[in-house]
């Protein structure tokens, strides 16, 4: 199965896993930041959300690609 076929078949799963993963990670990091500094930097939270969301999406994509080969 080609990469385009994997993405077309599972695009909702890939996007949702990226959003959920990024959101949970950003909330966790915001909680740690709040506990240690009593001040929350919104740009840091957005950066965490985007970076970990992209990482989570890639991991989900490659996991589904590997599953479809087997």
C-alpha atoms as a PDB file:
ATOM      1  CA  UNK A   1       0.000   0.000   0.000  1.00  0.00           C
ATOM      2  CA  UNK A   2       1.447   3.380  -0.976  1.00  0.00           C
ATOM      3  CA  UNK A   3       1.857   6.306   1.371  1.00  0.00           C
ATOM      4  CA  UNK A   4      -0.991   8.247  -0.250  1.00  0.00           C
ATOM      5  CA  UNK A   5      -3.353   5.319   0.178  1.00  0.00           C
ATOM      6  CA  UNK A   6      -2.444   5.001   3.862  1.00  0.00           C
ATOM      7  CA  UNK A   7      -3.070   8.699   4.427  1.00  0.00           C
ATOM      8  CA  UNK A   8      -6.365   8.707   2.506  1.00  0.00           C
ATOM      9  CA  UNK A   9      -7.611   5.693   4.404  1.00  0.00           C
ATOM     10  CA  UNK A  10      -6.593   6.856   7.889  1.00  0.00           C
ATOM     11  CA  UNK A  11      -6.411  10.658   7.727  1.00  0.00           C
ATOM     12  CA  UNK A  12      -8.977  11.173  10.509  1.00  0.00           C
ATOM     13  CA  UNK A  13      -7.101   8.853  12.847  1.00  0.00           C
ATOM     14  CA  UNK A  14      -3.796  10.573  12.084  1.00  0.00           C
ATOM     15  CA  UNK A  15      -5.158  14.084  12.625  1.00  0.00           C
ATOM     16  CA  UNK A  16      -7.106  13.223  15.767  1.00  0.00           C
ATOM     17  CA  UNK A  17      -4.119  11.471  17.339  1.00  0.00           C
ATOM     18  CA  UNK A  18      -1.965  14.514  16.615  1.00  0.00           C
ATOM     19  CA  UNK A  19      -4.465  16.922  18.123  1.00  0.00           C
ATOM     20  CA  UNK A  20      -5.161  14.830  21.206  1.00  0.00           C
ATOM     21  CA  UNK A  21      -1.506  13.983  21.791  1.00  0.00           C
ATOM     22  CA  UNK A  22      -0.418  17.598  21.410  1.00  0.00           C
ATOM     23  CA  UNK A  23      -3.205  18.859  23.655  1.00  0.00           C
ATOM     24  CA  UNK A  24      -2.476  16.407  26.466  1.00  0.00           C
ATOM     25  CA  UNK A  25       1.267  17.081  26.297  1.00  0.00           C
ATOM     26  CA  UNK A  26       0.734  20.851  26.275  1.00  0.00           C
ATOM     27  CA  UNK A  27      -1.601  20.610  29.276  1.00  0.00           C
ATOM     28  CA  UNK A  28       0.946  18.545  31.171  1.00  0.00           C
ATOM     29  CA  UNK A  29       3.748  20.977  30.433  1.00  0.00           C
ATOM     30  CA  UNK A  30       1.517  23.933  31.360  1.00  0.00           C
ATOM     31  CA  UNK A  31       0.732  22.238  34.664  1.00  0.00           C
ATOM     32  CA  UNK A  32       4.414  21.716  35.434  1.00  0.00           C
ATOM     33  CA  UNK A  33       5.168  25.289  34.443  1.00  0.00           C
ATOM     34  CA  UNK A  34       2.381  26.601  36.649  1.00  0.00           C
ATOM     35  CA  UNK A  35       3.557  24.552  39.624  1.00  0.00           C
ATOM     36  CA  UNK A  36       7.144  25.696  39.311  1.00  0.00           C
ATOM     37  CA  UNK A  37       6.827  29.343  38.198  1.00  0.00           C
ATOM     38  CA  UNK A  38       3.247  30.464  39.010  1.00  0.00           C
ATOM     39  CA  UNK A  39       3.156  32.064  35.578  1.00  0.00           C
ATOM     40  CA  UNK A  40       2.077  30.435  32.332  1.00  0.00           C
ATOM     41  CA  UNK A  41       3.640  31.434  29.023  1.00  0.00           C
ATOM     42  CA  UNK A  42       1.024  30.939  26.299  1.00  0.00           C
ATOM     43  CA  UNK A  43       3.570  30.852  23.483  1.00  0.00           C
ATOM     44  CA  UNK A  44       5.355  27.959  25.226  1.00  0.00           C
ATOM     45  CA  UNK A  45       2.062  26.053  25.470  1.00  0.00           C
ATOM     46  CA  UNK A  46       1.269  26.654  21.800  1.00  0.00           C
ATOM     47  CA  UNK A  47       4.800  25.607  20.833  1.00  0.00           C
ATOM     48  CA  UNK A  48       4.447  22.376  22.822  1.00  0.00           C
ATOM     49  CA  UNK A  49       1.039  21.705  21.294  1.00  0.00           C
ATOM     50  CA  UNK A  50       2.261  22.148  17.733  1.00  0.00           C
ATOM     51  CA  UNK A  51       5.574  20.317  18.070  1.00  0.00           C
ATOM     52  CA  UNK A  52       4.293  17.320  19.974  1.00  0.00           C
ATOM     53  CA  UNK A  53       1.128  17.223  17.833  1.00  0.00           C
ATOM     54  CA  UNK A  54       3.232  16.960  14.686  1.00  0.00           C
ATOM     55  CA  UNK A  55       5.422  14.307  16.291  1.00  0.00           C
ATOM     56  CA  UNK A  56       2.359  12.338  17.412  1.00  0.00           C
ATOM     57  CA  UNK A  57       0.837  12.553  13.934  1.00  0.00           C
ATOM     58  CA  UNK A  58       4.014  11.259  12.309  1.00  0.00           C
ATOM     59  CA  UNK A  59       4.212   8.379  14.766  1.00  0.00           C
ATOM     60  CA  UNK A  60       0.579   7.487  14.127  1.00  0.00           C
ATOM     61  CA  UNK A  61       1.114   7.720  10.376  1.00  0.00           C
ATOM     62  CA  UNK A  62       4.132   5.426  10.371  1.00  0.00           C
ATOM     63  CA  UNK A  63       2.429   3.015  12.764  1.00  0.00           C
ATOM     64  CA  UNK A  64      -0.603   2.748  10.457  1.00  0.00           C
ATOM     65  CA  UNK A  65       1.679   2.416   7.443  1.00  0.00           C
ATOM     66  CA  UNK A  66       3.505  -0.443   9.104  1.00  0.00           C
ATOM     67  CA  UNK A  67       0.203  -2.096  10.107  1.00  0.00           C
ATOM     68  CA  UNK A  68      -1.103  -1.919   6.559  1.00  0.00           C
ATOM     69  CA  UNK A  69       1.981  -3.757   5.226  1.00  0.00           C
ATOM     70  CA  UNK A  70       1.486  -6.720   7.554  1.00  0.00           C
END
